[in-house]
Amino acid sequence: MPDYTLIMLFLVIAAALIFDFINGFHDTANAIATCISTRALTIRTAIIMAAVLNFAGAMISTKVATTIGKGIVDPVNITQMVVFAGITGAIIWDLITWYYGLPSSSSHAIIGGIIGAVITHAGVSALHWAGLKKIILALVLSPIVGTLAGFVFMIAMMWAFRNKAPHNLNNRFRKLQVLSAAFMAFSHGSADAQKSMGVITLALLSYGYIQTFHVPVWVMVSCALAMALGTAIGGWRIIRTVGRDFVKLQPVHGFVVETASAGVILGAAAIGMPTSTTHVITSSILGVGLTKRLSAVNWQLAYRILWAWVLTIPASAIVAGVTYLVLSPFLGR
């Protein structure tokens, strides 16, 4: 007789790595859209740089992975089917928003997917409300902090270089933006790859492969590689939305956006807070745009993005719940 629990474990790991791969091309825009739109880097160079630094960033810590793996539900009360359904819900929502070019949050999607699967399996009481409050608070605050960081940093730059000629200033910042884009790519890897690390570790603990919650090195490497490969594929639809359609950016604006965003993301990752890199950088772009004038922001597009953000957790939760109901009779609960 085949070991169905082992088969489910392999399915969960495969699904989590696919999610990480999709996260890579879905969120490529987070690191490189602004430097491409300002012509600081060519598309090919920007993608290669982002892929390498996404991998490097994913290897520096597992604090966010621990928050995701232990903060939503007690690992001893979760099954392989729950984890698999949760990841599937996140993947489907990510693909829908990618198709329409909307920069929704993969962080929200995986959290919503796990919540939906857990509720369908064991009810609302199975959730860790204290951990969820911490996670959701971080995700809600990230766009607010991102907007403020972008706005304040841009005002400071405008004051510091108020007597400089715009043409010469942009030429200098076009070079500096290569460094800020690299900083952003590294921070993206440090935050987003850890979500899949946490999910895979949750599945390993449920199976009995490990006895306490800790992320094995092979899980870290696998998730980092999957995200780097996804980044290398590139998400052109979202790159166009974030880098060109939302706010028209000059090199100095791109430098401010990437530096402010990376600072917020790395600061949160250092204390295990799972911020949304998509929310942070998009809201930082909004903050920079607001220093120009209100009309500098494409508000119609901003509303579309906002709705994608609002819907992500409930939508991915519903998809995950339906997936659990459909597949559990065949694959087990």
C-alpha atoms as a PDB file:
ATOM      1  CA  MET A   1       0.000   0.000   0.000  1.00  0.00           C
ATOM      2  CA  PRO A   2       1.334   3.454  -0.853  1.00  0.00           C
ATOM      3  CA  ASP A   3       2.058   5.880   1.975  1.00  0.00           C
ATOM      4  CA  TYR A   4      -0.582   8.520   1.248  1.00  0.00           C
ATOM      5  CA  THR A   5       0.711  10.862   3.969  1.00  0.00           C
ATOM      6  CA  LEU A   6       4.144  10.847   2.315  1.00  0.00           C
ATOM      7  CA  ILE A   7       2.556  11.486  -1.080  1.00  0.00           C
ATOM      8  CA  MET A   8       0.663  14.432   0.417  1.00  0.00           C
ATOM      9  CA  LEU A   9       3.889  15.754   1.923  1.00  0.00           C
ATOM     10  CA  PHE A  10       5.519  15.742  -1.526  1.00  0.00           C
ATOM     11  CA  LEU A  11       2.452  17.463  -2.987  1.00  0.00           C
ATOM     12  CA  VAL A  12       2.615  20.159  -0.303  1.00  0.00           C
ATOM     13  CA  ILE A  13       6.327  20.772  -0.874  1.00  0.00           C
ATOM     14  CA  ALA A  14       5.815  20.918  -4.649  1.00  0.00           C
ATOM     15  CA  ALA A  15       2.867  23.317  -4.268  1.00  0.00           C
ATOM     16  CA  ALA A  16       4.832  25.552  -1.876  1.00  0.00           C
ATOM     17  CA  LEU A  17       7.780  25.744  -4.295  1.00  0.00           C
ATOM     18  CA  ILE A  18       5.395  26.504  -7.171  1.00  0.00           C
ATOM     19  CA  PHE A  19       3.905  29.282  -5.023  1.00  0.00           C
ATOM     20  CA  ASP A  20       7.403  30.620  -4.377  1.00  0.00           C
ATOM     21  CA  PHE A  21       8.160  30.508  -8.108  1.00  0.00           C
ATOM     22  CA  ILE A  22       4.909  32.348  -8.899  1.00  0.00           C
ATOM     23  CA  ASN A  23       5.667  34.794  -6.091  1.00  0.00           C
ATOM     24  CA  GLY A  24       8.998  35.468  -7.790  1.00  0.00           C
ATOM     25  CA  PHE A  25       7.569  36.455 -11.173  1.00  0.00           C
ATOM     26  CA  HIS A  26       4.429  37.970  -9.621  1.00  0.00           C
ATOM     27  CA  ASP A  27       6.496  40.260  -7.391  1.00  0.00           C
ATOM     28  CA  THR A  28       9.438  40.935  -9.717  1.00  0.00           C
ATOM     29  CA  ALA A  29       8.006  44.433 -10.113  1.00  0.00           C
ATOM     30  CA  ASN A  30       8.628  45.113  -6.434  1.00  0.00           C
ATOM     31  CA  ALA A  31      12.376  45.190  -6.958  1.00  0.00           C
ATOM     32  CA  ILE A  32      12.942  46.349 -10.512  1.00  0.00           C
ATOM     33  CA  ALA A  33       9.929  48.179 -11.958  1.00  0.00           C
ATOM     34  CA  THR A  34      11.086  51.633 -10.917  1.00  0.00           C
ATOM     35  CA  CYS A  35      14.689  51.254 -12.131  1.00  0.00           C
ATOM     36  CA  ILE A  36      13.404  49.980 -15.500  1.00  0.00           C
ATOM     37  CA  SER A  37      10.884  52.816 -15.850  1.00  0.00           C
ATOM     38  CA  THR A  38      13.618  55.396 -15.168  1.00  0.00           C
ATOM     39  CA  ARG A  39      16.065  53.557 -17.491  1.00  0.00           C
ATOM     40  CA  ALA A  40      18.607  53.114 -14.709  1.00  0.00           C
ATOM     41  CA  LEU A  41      18.944  49.482 -15.822  1.00  0.00           C
ATOM     42  CA  THR A  42      17.960  47.461 -18.858  1.00  0.00           C
ATOM     43  CA  ILE A  43      15.237  44.899 -18.333  1.00  0.00           C
ATOM     44  CA  ARG A  44      17.634  41.958 -18.759  1.00  0.00           C
ATOM     45  CA  THR A  45      20.228  43.311 -16.322  1.00  0.00           C
ATOM     46  CA  ALA A  46      17.594  44.282 -13.758  1.00  0.00           C
ATOM     47  CA  ILE A  47      16.010  40.822 -13.777  1.00  0.00           C
ATOM     48  CA  ILE A  48      19.346  39.003 -13.403  1.00  0.00           C
ATOM     49  CA  MET A  49      20.310  41.274 -10.513  1.00  0.00           C
ATOM     50  CA  ALA A  50      16.931  40.816  -8.840  1.00  0.00           C
ATOM     51  CA  ALA A  51      17.074  37.015  -9.168  1.00  0.00           C
ATOM     52  CA  VAL A  52      20.540  36.761  -7.593  1.00  0.00           C
ATOM     53  CA  LEU A  53      19.743  39.115  -4.715  1.00  0.00           C
ATOM     54  CA  ASN A  54      16.341  37.556  -4.078  1.00  0.00           C
ATOM     55  CA  PHE A  55      18.188  34.284  -3.485  1.00  0.00           C
ATOM     56  CA  ALA A  56      20.728  35.952  -1.194  1.00  0.00           C
ATOM     57  CA  GLY A  57      18.048  37.735   0.816  1.00  0.00           C
ATOM     58  CA  ALA A  58      16.071  34.536   1.306  1.00  0.00           C
ATOM     59  CA  MET A  59      19.029  32.893   3.039  1.00  0.00           C
ATOM     60  CA  ILE A  60      19.643  35.419   5.821  1.00  0.00           C
ATOM     61  CA  SER A  61      16.891  34.632   8.342  1.00  0.00           C
ATOM     62  CA  THR A  62      13.906  32.423   9.219  1.00  0.00           C
ATOM     63  CA  LYS A  63      12.083  34.725  11.667  1.00  0.00           C
ATOM     64  CA  VAL A  64       9.234  35.496   9.260  1.00  0.00           C
ATOM     65  CA  ALA A  65       8.958  31.782   8.395  1.00  0.00           C
ATOM     66  CA  THR A  66       8.498  31.004  12.086  1.00  0.00           C
ATOM     67  CA  THR A  67       5.789  33.663  12.418  1.00  0.00           C
ATOM     68  CA  ILE A  68       3.873  32.245   9.435  1.00  0.00           C
ATOM     69  CA  GLY A  69       4.344  28.607  10.492  1.00  0.00           C
ATOM     70  CA  LYS A  70       3.336  29.044  14.136  1.00  0.00           C
ATOM     71  CA  GLY A  71       1.291  32.244  14.265  1.00  0.00           C
ATOM     72  CA  ILE A  72      -1.834  31.228  12.332  1.00  0.00           C
ATOM     73  CA  VAL A  73      -2.587  27.806  13.804  1.00  0.00           C
ATOM     74  CA  ASP A  74      -1.018  25.327  16.211  1.00  0.00           C
ATOM     75  CA  PRO A  75       1.140  23.030  14.025  1.00  0.00           C
ATOM     76  CA  VAL A  76      -0.031  19.903  15.896  1.00  0.00           C
ATOM     77  CA  ASN A  77      -3.630  20.563  14.813  1.00  0.00           C
ATOM     78  CA  ILE A  78      -2.928  20.912  11.095  1.00  0.00           C
ATOM     79  CA  THR A  79      -2.870  18.262   8.349  1.00  0.00           C
ATOM     80  CA  GLN A  80      -1.129  17.953   4.989  1.00  0.00           C
ATOM     81  CA  MET A  81      -4.449  18.491   3.236  1.00  0.00           C
ATOM     82  CA  VAL A  82      -4.997  21.766   5.081  1.00  0.00           C
ATOM     83  CA  VAL A  83      -1.580  23.064   4.050  1.00  0.00           C
ATOM     84  CA  PHE A  84      -2.038  21.891   0.453  1.00  0.00           C
ATOM     85  CA  ALA A  85      -5.461  23.540   0.139  1.00  0.00           C
ATOM     86  CA  GLY A  86      -4.120  26.768   1.650  1.00  0.00           C
ATOM     87  CA  ILE A  87      -1.254  26.978  -0.820  1.00  0.00           C
ATOM     88  CA  THR A  88      -3.558  26.176  -3.736  1.00  0.00           C
ATOM     89  CA  GLY A  89      -5.875  29.045  -2.791  1.00  0.00           C
ATOM     90  CA  ALA A  90      -2.909  31.425  -2.714  1.00  0.00           C
ATOM     91  CA  ILE A  91      -1.579  30.208  -6.074  1.00  0.00           C
ATOM     92  CA  ILE A  92      -4.915  30.611  -7.838  1.00  0.00           C
ATOM     93  CA  TRP A  93      -5.436  34.148  -6.506  1.00  0.00           C
ATOM     94  CA  ASP A  94      -1.882  35.140  -7.405  1.00  0.00           C
ATOM     95  CA  LEU A  95      -2.418  33.931 -10.977  1.00  0.00           C
ATOM     96  CA  ILE A  96      -5.716  35.803 -11.287  1.00  0.00           C
ATOM     97  CA  THR A  97      -4.192  39.109 -10.145  1.00  0.00           C
ATOM     98  CA  TRP A  98      -1.081  38.519 -12.269  1.00  0.00           C
ATOM     99  CA  TYR A  99      -3.273  37.988 -15.352  1.00  0.00           C
ATOM    100  CA  TYR A 100      -4.985  41.335 -14.778  1.00  0.00           C
ATOM    101  CA  GLY A 101      -1.703  43.054 -13.925  1.00  0.00           C
ATOM    102  CA  LEU A 102      -2.699  43.946 -10.365  1.00  0.00           C
ATOM    103  CA  PRO A 103       0.072  44.126  -7.720  1.00  0.00           C
ATOM    104  CA  SER A 104      -1.777  42.183  -5.016  1.00  0.00           C
ATOM    105  CA  SER A 105       0.040  40.714  -2.047  1.00  0.00           C
ATOM    106  CA  SER A 106       1.361  37.156  -2.138  1.00  0.00           C
ATOM    107  CA  SER A 107       1.778  37.489   1.632  1.00  0.00           C
ATOM    108  CA  HIS A 108      -1.938  38.162   2.023  1.00  0.00           C
ATOM    109  CA  ALA A 109      -2.725  35.320  -0.369  1.00  0.00           C
ATOM    110  CA  ILE A 110      -0.806  32.633   1.540  1.00  0.00           C
ATOM    111  CA  ILE A 111      -2.156  33.835   4.884  1.00  0.00           C
ATOM    112  CA  GLY A 112      -5.716  33.950   3.544  1.00  0.00           C
ATOM    113  CA  GLY A 113      -5.298  30.497   2.002  1.00  0.00           C
ATOM    114  CA  ILE A 114      -4.124  28.923   5.259  1.00  0.00           C
ATOM    115  CA  ILE A 115      -6.925  30.659   7.209  1.00  0.00           C
ATOM    116  CA  GLY A 116      -9.587  29.393   4.775  1.00  0.00           C
ATOM    117  CA  ALA A 117      -8.292  25.821   4.817  1.00  0.00           C
ATOM    118  CA  VAL A 118      -7.987  25.733   8.614  1.00  0.00           C
ATOM    119  CA  ILE A 119     -11.521  27.067   9.142  1.00  0.00           C
ATOM    120  CA  THR A 120     -12.941  24.541   6.674  1.00  0.00           C
ATOM    121  CA  HIS A 121     -11.051  21.700   8.375  1.00  0.00           C
ATOM    122  CA  ALA A 122     -11.473  22.494  12.061  1.00  0.00           C
ATOM    123  CA  GLY A 123     -13.535  25.660  12.448  1.00  0.00           C
ATOM    124  CA  VAL A 124     -12.735  29.204  13.540  1.00  0.00           C
ATOM    125  CA  SER A 125     -11.677  28.096  17.030  1.00  0.00           C
ATOM    126  CA  ALA A 126      -8.579  26.381  15.606  1.00  0.00           C
ATOM    127  CA  LEU A 127      -7.007  29.717  14.637  1.00  0.00           C
ATOM    128  CA  HIS A 128      -4.390  31.452  16.792  1.00  0.00           C
ATOM    129  CA  TRP A 129      -6.025  34.845  17.203  1.00  0.00           C
ATOM    130  CA  ALA A 130      -3.095  36.400  19.059  1.00  0.00           C
ATOM    131  CA  GLY A 131      -0.709  35.413  16.279  1.00  0.00           C
ATOM    132  CA  LEU A 132      -3.153  36.463  13.576  1.00  0.00           C
ATOM    133  CA  LYS A 133      -3.555  39.914  15.127  1.00  0.00           C
ATOM    134  CA  LYS A 134       0.213  40.396  14.965  1.00  0.00           C
ATOM    135  CA  ILE A 135       0.379  39.210  11.348  1.00  0.00           C
ATOM    136  CA  ILE A 136      -2.606  41.212  10.113  1.00  0.00           C
ATOM    137  CA  LEU A 137      -1.488  44.326  12.012  1.00  0.00           C
ATOM    138  CA  ALA A 138       1.867  44.161  10.234  1.00  0.00           C
ATOM    139  CA  LEU A 139       0.171  43.749   6.864  1.00  0.00           C
ATOM    140  CA  VAL A 140      -2.259  46.621   7.486  1.00  0.00           C
ATOM    141  CA  LEU A 141       0.438  48.978   8.753  1.00  0.00           C
ATOM    142  CA  SER A 142       2.885  48.247   5.918  1.00  0.00           C
ATOM    143  CA  PRO A 143       1.161  50.462   3.289  1.00  0.00           C
ATOM    144  CA  ILE A 144       0.772  53.291   5.825  1.00  0.00           C
ATOM    145  CA  VAL A 145       4.426  53.130   6.831  1.00  0.00           C
ATOM    146  CA  GLY A 146       5.444  52.789   3.170  1.00  0.00           C
ATOM    147  CA  THR A 147       3.491  55.890   2.154  1.00  0.00           C
ATOM    148  CA  LEU A 148       4.921  57.949   5.018  1.00  0.00           C
ATOM    149  CA  ALA A 149       8.464  56.728   4.377  1.00  0.00           C
ATOM    150  CA  GLY A 150       8.266  57.570   0.674  1.00  0.00           C
ATOM    151  CA  PHE A 151       6.703  60.980   1.319  1.00  0.00           C
ATOM    152  CA  VAL A 152       9.103  62.055   4.103  1.00  0.00           C
ATOM    153  CA  PHE A 153      12.225  60.758   2.356  1.00  0.00           C
ATOM    154  CA  MET A 154      11.238  62.503  -0.886  1.00  0.00           C
ATOM    155  CA  ILE A 155      10.612  65.801   0.919  1.00  0.00           C
ATOM    156  CA  ALA A 156      14.031  65.488   2.571  1.00  0.00           C
ATOM    157  CA  MET A 157      15.721  64.853  -0.788  1.00  0.00           C
ATOM    158  CA  MET A 158      13.933  67.797  -2.402  1.00  0.00           C
ATOM    159  CA  TRP A 159      15.137  70.091   0.394  1.00  0.00           C
ATOM    160  CA  ALA A 160      18.704  68.726   0.390  1.00  0.00           C
ATOM    161  CA  PHE A 161      19.111  69.173  -3.380  1.00  0.00           C
ATOM    162  CA  ARG A 162      16.862  72.185  -3.889  1.00  0.00           C
ATOM    163  CA  ASN A 163      19.619  74.198  -5.601  1.00  0.00           C
ATOM    164  CA  LYS A 164      20.772  71.470  -7.976  1.00  0.00           C
ATOM    165  CA  ALA A 165      19.916  71.360 -11.682  1.00  0.00           C
ATOM    166  CA  PRO A 166      17.281  68.639 -12.296  1.00  0.00           C
ATOM    167  CA  HIS A 167      19.140  67.163 -15.293  1.00  0.00           C
ATOM    168  CA  ASN A 168      22.433  66.663 -13.448  1.00  0.00           C
ATOM    169  CA  LEU A 169      20.618  65.420 -10.362  1.00  0.00           C
ATOM    170  CA  ASN A 170      18.739  62.746 -12.308  1.00  0.00           C
ATOM    171  CA  ASN A 171      21.929  61.555 -13.997  1.00  0.00           C
ATOM    172  CA  ARG A 172      23.544  61.022 -10.609  1.00  0.00           C
ATOM    173  CA  PHE A 173      20.526  59.308  -9.127  1.00  0.00           C
ATOM    174  CA  ARG A 174      20.210  57.025 -12.143  1.00  0.00           C
ATOM    175  CA  LYS A 175      23.520  55.502 -11.036  1.00  0.00           C
ATOM    176  CA  LEU A 176      22.556  55.449  -7.364  1.00  0.00           C
ATOM    177  CA  GLN A 177      19.300  53.753  -8.261  1.00  0.00           C
ATOM    178  CA  VAL A 178      21.194  50.613  -9.247  1.00  0.00           C
ATOM    179  CA  LEU A 179      22.246  50.294  -5.596  1.00  0.00           C
ATOM    180  CA  SER A 180      18.777  51.052  -4.264  1.00  0.00           C
ATOM    181  CA  ALA A 181      17.227  48.479  -6.631  1.00  0.00           C
ATOM    182  CA  ALA A 182      19.745  45.903  -5.405  1.00  0.00           C
ATOM    183  CA  PHE A 183      18.831  46.791  -1.804  1.00  0.00           C
ATOM    184  CA  MET A 184      15.156  46.343  -2.624  1.00  0.00           C
ATOM    185  CA  ALA A 185      15.706  42.972  -4.344  1.00  0.00           C
ATOM    186  CA  PHE A 186      17.643  41.694  -1.331  1.00  0.00           C
ATOM    187  CA  SER A 187      14.933  42.835   1.090  1.00  0.00           C
ATOM    188  CA  HIS A 188      12.240  41.236  -1.086  1.00  0.00           C
ATOM    189  CA  GLY A 189      13.993  37.874  -0.838  1.00  0.00           C
ATOM    190  CA  SER A 190      14.400  38.250   2.926  1.00  0.00           C
ATOM    191  CA  ALA A 191      10.654  38.749   3.372  1.00  0.00           C
ATOM    192  CA  ASP A 192       8.734  36.823   0.725  1.00  0.00           C
ATOM    193  CA  ALA A 193      10.627  33.534   0.348  1.00  0.00           C
ATOM    194  CA  GLN A 194      10.163  32.915   4.056  1.00  0.00           C
ATOM    195  CA  LYS A 195       6.406  32.484   3.702  1.00  0.00           C
ATOM    196  CA  SER A 196       6.890  29.243   1.764  1.00  0.00           C
ATOM    197  CA  MET A 197       9.648  28.170   4.167  1.00  0.00           C
ATOM    198  CA  GLY A 198       7.156  28.459   7.006  1.00  0.00           C
ATOM    199  CA  VAL A 199       4.482  26.500   5.138  1.00  0.00           C
ATOM    200  CA  ILE A 200       6.830  23.650   4.168  1.00  0.00           C
ATOM    201  CA  THR A 201       8.178  23.435   7.719  1.00  0.00           C
ATOM    202  CA  LEU A 202       4.590  23.288   8.973  1.00  0.00           C
ATOM    203  CA  ALA A 203       3.964  20.308   6.664  1.00  0.00           C
ATOM    204  CA  LEU A 204       7.204  18.580   7.771  1.00  0.00           C
ATOM    205  CA  LEU A 205       6.191  18.957  11.405  1.00  0.00           C
ATOM    206  CA  SER A 206       2.720  17.599  10.682  1.00  0.00           C
ATOM    207  CA  TYR A 207       4.226  14.553   8.946  1.00  0.00           C
ATOM    208  CA  GLY A 208       6.714  13.918  11.754  1.00  0.00           C
ATOM    209  CA  TYR A 209       9.859  14.589   9.713  1.00  0.00           C
ATOM    210  CA  ILE A 210      10.895  17.125  12.375  1.00  0.00           C
ATOM    211  CA  GLN A 211       9.845  17.212  16.028  1.00  0.00           C
ATOM    212  CA  THR A 212      10.098  20.939  16.740  1.00  0.00           C
ATOM    213  CA  PHE A 213       9.476  23.941  14.504  1.00  0.00           C
ATOM    214  CA  HIS A 214      12.752  24.884  12.811  1.00  0.00           C
ATOM    215  CA  VAL A 215      13.445  25.509   9.138  1.00  0.00           C
ATOM    216  CA  PRO A 216      15.866  22.916   7.654  1.00  0.00           C
ATOM    217  CA  VAL A 217      18.661  24.262   5.450  1.00  0.00           C
ATOM    218  CA  TRP A 218      17.415  22.337   2.405  1.00  0.00           C
ATOM    219  CA  VAL A 219      14.032  24.067   2.765  1.00  0.00           C
ATOM    220  CA  MET A 220      15.730  27.477   2.833  1.00  0.00           C
ATOM    221  CA  VAL A 221      17.795  26.692  -0.278  1.00  0.00           C
ATOM    222  CA  SER A 222      14.832  25.214  -2.185  1.00  0.00           C
ATOM    223  CA  CYS A 223      12.580  28.200  -1.499  1.00  0.00           C
ATOM    224  CA  ALA A 224      15.346  30.680  -2.301  1.00  0.00           C
ATOM    225  CA  LEU A 225      16.030  28.936  -5.630  1.00  0.00           C
ATOM    226  CA  ALA A 226      12.329  28.754  -6.539  1.00  0.00           C
ATOM    227  CA  MET A 227      11.877  32.483  -5.921  1.00  0.00           C
ATOM    228  CA  ALA A 228      15.060  33.364  -7.800  1.00  0.00           C
ATOM    229  CA  LEU A 229      13.933  31.324 -10.820  1.00  0.00           C
ATOM    230  CA  GLY A 230      10.508  32.959 -10.747  1.00  0.00           C
ATOM    231  CA  THR A 231      12.133  36.367 -10.578  1.00  0.00           C
ATOM    232  CA  ALA A 232      14.275  35.485 -13.600  1.00  0.00           C
ATOM    233  CA  ILE A 233      11.118  34.769 -15.621  1.00  0.00           C
ATOM    234  CA  GLY A 234       9.837  38.270 -14.909  1.00  0.00           C
ATOM    235  CA  GLY A 235       6.337  39.661 -14.401  1.00  0.00           C
ATOM    236  CA  TRP A 236       5.973  42.113 -17.256  1.00  0.00           C
ATOM    237  CA  ARG A 237       2.327  42.961 -16.705  1.00  0.00           C
ATOM    238  CA  ILE A 238       2.894  44.116 -13.131  1.00  0.00           C
ATOM    239  CA  ILE A 239       6.198  45.817 -13.988  1.00  0.00           C
ATOM    240  CA  ARG A 240       4.238  47.998 -16.429  1.00  0.00           C
ATOM    241  CA  THR A 241       1.496  48.738 -13.857  1.00  0.00           C
ATOM    242  CA  VAL A 242       3.800  49.683 -10.988  1.00  0.00           C
ATOM    243  CA  GLY A 243       6.662  51.226 -12.911  1.00  0.00           C
ATOM    244  CA  ARG A 244       4.826  53.228 -15.551  1.00  0.00           C
ATOM    245  CA  ASP A 245       1.060  53.482 -15.149  1.00  0.00           C
ATOM    246  CA  PHE A 246       0.761  54.353 -11.442  1.00  0.00           C
ATOM    247  CA  VAL A 247       3.057  57.391 -11.061  1.00  0.00           C
ATOM    248  CA  LYS A 248       5.521  58.802 -13.592  1.00  0.00           C
ATOM    249  CA  LEU A 249       8.956  58.454 -11.988  1.00  0.00           C
ATOM    250  CA  GLN A 250      12.345  60.097 -12.425  1.00  0.00           C
ATOM    251  CA  PRO A 251      15.594  58.466 -11.168  1.00  0.00           C
ATOM    252  CA  VAL A 252      15.555  60.438  -7.917  1.00  0.00           C
ATOM    253  CA  HIS A 253      12.001  59.213  -7.264  1.00  0.00           C
ATOM    254  CA  GLY A 254      12.975  55.613  -8.013  1.00  0.00           C
ATOM    255  CA  PHE A 255      15.931  55.851  -5.622  1.00  0.00           C
ATOM    256  CA  VAL A 256      13.700  57.188  -2.848  1.00  0.00           C
ATOM    257  CA  VAL A 257      10.994  54.556  -3.422  1.00  0.00           C
ATOM    258  CA  GLU A 258      13.396  51.608  -3.385  1.00  0.00           C
ATOM    259  CA  THR A 259      15.488  52.809  -0.444  1.00  0.00           C
ATOM    260  CA  ALA A 260      12.481  53.679   1.725  1.00  0.00           C
ATOM    261  CA  SER A 261      10.721  50.396   0.879  1.00  0.00           C
ATOM    262  CA  ALA A 262      13.764  48.226   1.503  1.00  0.00           C
ATOM    263  CA  GLY A 263      14.381  49.904   4.857  1.00  0.00           C
ATOM    264  CA  VAL A 264      10.800  49.225   5.995  1.00  0.00           C
ATOM    265  CA  ILE A 265      10.845  45.595   4.775  1.00  0.00           C
ATOM    266  CA  LEU A 266      14.227  44.664   6.274  1.00  0.00           C
ATOM    267  CA  GLY A 267      13.339  46.351   9.558  1.00  0.00           C
ATOM    268  CA  ALA A 268      10.140  44.323   9.810  1.00  0.00           C
ATOM    269  CA  ALA A 269      11.834  41.059   8.753  1.00  0.00           C
ATOM    270  CA  ALA A 270      14.471  41.543  11.466  1.00  0.00           C
ATOM    271  CA  ILE A 271      11.751  41.234  14.124  1.00  0.00           C
ATOM    272  CA  GLY A 272       9.776  38.523  12.318  1.00  0.00           C
ATOM    273  CA  MET A 273       6.935  40.725  11.051  1.00  0.00           C
ATOM    274  CA  PRO A 274       5.555  39.471   7.700  1.00  0.00           C
ATOM    275  CA  THR A 275       5.079  42.687   5.740  1.00  0.00           C
ATOM    276  CA  SER A 276       3.791  42.735   2.189  1.00  0.00           C
ATOM    277  CA  THR A 277       6.573  43.846  -0.130  1.00  0.00           C
ATOM    278  CA  THR A 278       3.947  44.674  -2.757  1.00  0.00           C
ATOM    279  CA  HIS A 279       2.089  46.958  -0.364  1.00  0.00           C
ATOM    280  CA  VAL A 280       5.229  48.659   0.894  1.00  0.00           C
ATOM    281  CA  ILE A 281       6.727  49.568  -2.466  1.00  0.00           C
ATOM    282  CA  THR A 282       3.416  50.498  -4.103  1.00  0.00           C
ATOM    283  CA  SER A 283       2.506  52.739  -1.191  1.00  0.00           C
ATOM    284  CA  SER A 284       6.019  54.235  -1.233  1.00  0.00           C
ATOM    285  CA  ILE A 285       5.421  55.157  -4.879  1.00  0.00           C
ATOM    286  CA  LEU A 286       2.160  56.765  -3.761  1.00  0.00           C
ATOM    287  CA  GLY A 287       4.004  58.723  -1.066  1.00  0.00           C
ATOM    288  CA  VAL A 288       6.531  60.003  -3.600  1.00  0.00           C
ATOM    289  CA  GLY A 289       3.762  60.894  -6.038  1.00  0.00           C
ATOM    290  CA  LEU A 290       1.983  62.928  -3.362  1.00  0.00           C
ATOM    291  CA  THR A 291       5.039  65.198  -2.999  1.00  0.00           C
ATOM    292  CA  LYS A 292       4.452  66.353  -6.580  1.00  0.00           C
ATOM    293  CA  ARG A 293       0.725  66.976  -6.627  1.00  0.00           C
ATOM    294  CA  LEU A 294      -2.451  64.935  -6.185  1.00  0.00           C
ATOM    295  CA  SER A 295      -2.965  64.707  -9.952  1.00  0.00           C
ATOM    296  CA  ALA A 296       0.445  63.013 -10.339  1.00  0.00           C
ATOM    297  CA  VAL A 297      -1.140  59.798  -9.037  1.00  0.00           C
ATOM    298  CA  ASN A 298      -3.330  57.654 -11.274  1.00  0.00           C
ATOM    299  CA  TRP A 299      -6.181  57.443  -8.754  1.00  0.00           C
ATOM    300  CA  GLN A 300      -8.327  55.167 -10.893  1.00  0.00           C
ATOM    301  CA  LEU A 301      -5.509  52.616 -10.909  1.00  0.00           C
ATOM    302  CA  ALA A 302      -4.951  53.232  -7.176  1.00  0.00           C
ATOM    303  CA  TYR A 303      -8.557  52.225  -6.480  1.00  0.00           C
ATOM    304  CA  ARG A 304      -8.125  49.034  -8.528  1.00  0.00           C
ATOM    305  CA  ILE A 305      -5.006  48.172  -6.543  1.00  0.00           C
ATOM    306  CA  LEU A 306      -6.790  48.932  -3.270  1.00  0.00           C
ATOM    307  CA  TRP A 307      -9.639  46.586  -4.147  1.00  0.00           C
ATOM    308  CA  ALA A 308      -7.162  43.837  -5.027  1.00  0.00           C
ATOM    309  CA  TRP A 309      -5.570  44.309  -1.601  1.00  0.00           C
ATOM    310  CA  VAL A 310      -8.911  44.265   0.237  1.00  0.00           C
ATOM    311  CA  LEU A 311     -10.150  41.164  -1.551  1.00  0.00           C
ATOM    312  CA  THR A 312      -6.964  39.084  -1.383  1.00  0.00           C
ATOM    313  CA  ILE A 313      -7.317  37.478   2.069  1.00  0.00           C
ATOM    314  CA  PRO A 314     -11.051  36.600   1.801  1.00  0.00           C
ATOM    315  CA  ALA A 315     -10.744  35.539  -1.864  1.00  0.00           C
ATOM    316  CA  SER A 316      -7.780  33.229  -1.304  1.00  0.00           C
ATOM    317  CA  ALA A 317      -9.460  31.906   1.869  1.00  0.00           C
ATOM    318  CA  ILE A 318     -12.606  31.008  -0.086  1.00  0.00           C
ATOM    319  CA  VAL A 319     -10.624  29.324  -2.868  1.00  0.00           C
ATOM    320  CA  ALA A 320      -8.629  27.353  -0.284  1.00  0.00           C
ATOM    321  CA  GLY A 321     -11.803  26.291   1.528  1.00  0.00           C
ATOM    322  CA  VAL A 322     -13.413  25.089  -1.703  1.00  0.00           C
ATOM    323  CA  THR A 323     -10.201  23.253  -2.640  1.00  0.00           C
ATOM    324  CA  TYR A 324     -10.239  21.470   0.723  1.00  0.00           C
ATOM    325  CA  LEU A 325     -13.883  20.428   0.322  1.00  0.00           C
ATOM    326  CA  VAL A 326     -13.316  19.155  -3.227  1.00  0.00           C
ATOM    327  CA  LEU A 327     -10.051  17.264  -2.662  1.00  0.00           C
ATOM    328  CA  SER A 328     -10.313  15.963   0.918  1.00  0.00           C
ATOM    329  CA  PRO A 329     -12.695  13.082  -0.003  1.00  0.00           C
ATOM    330  CA  PHE A 330      -9.996  11.767  -2.371  1.00  0.00           C
ATOM    331  CA  LEU A 331      -6.774  12.738  -0.610  1.00  0.00           C
ATOM    332  CA  GLY A 332      -7.857  12.549   3.020  1.00  0.00           C
ATOM    333  CA  ARG A 333      -8.520  15.198   5.622  1.00  0.00           C
END
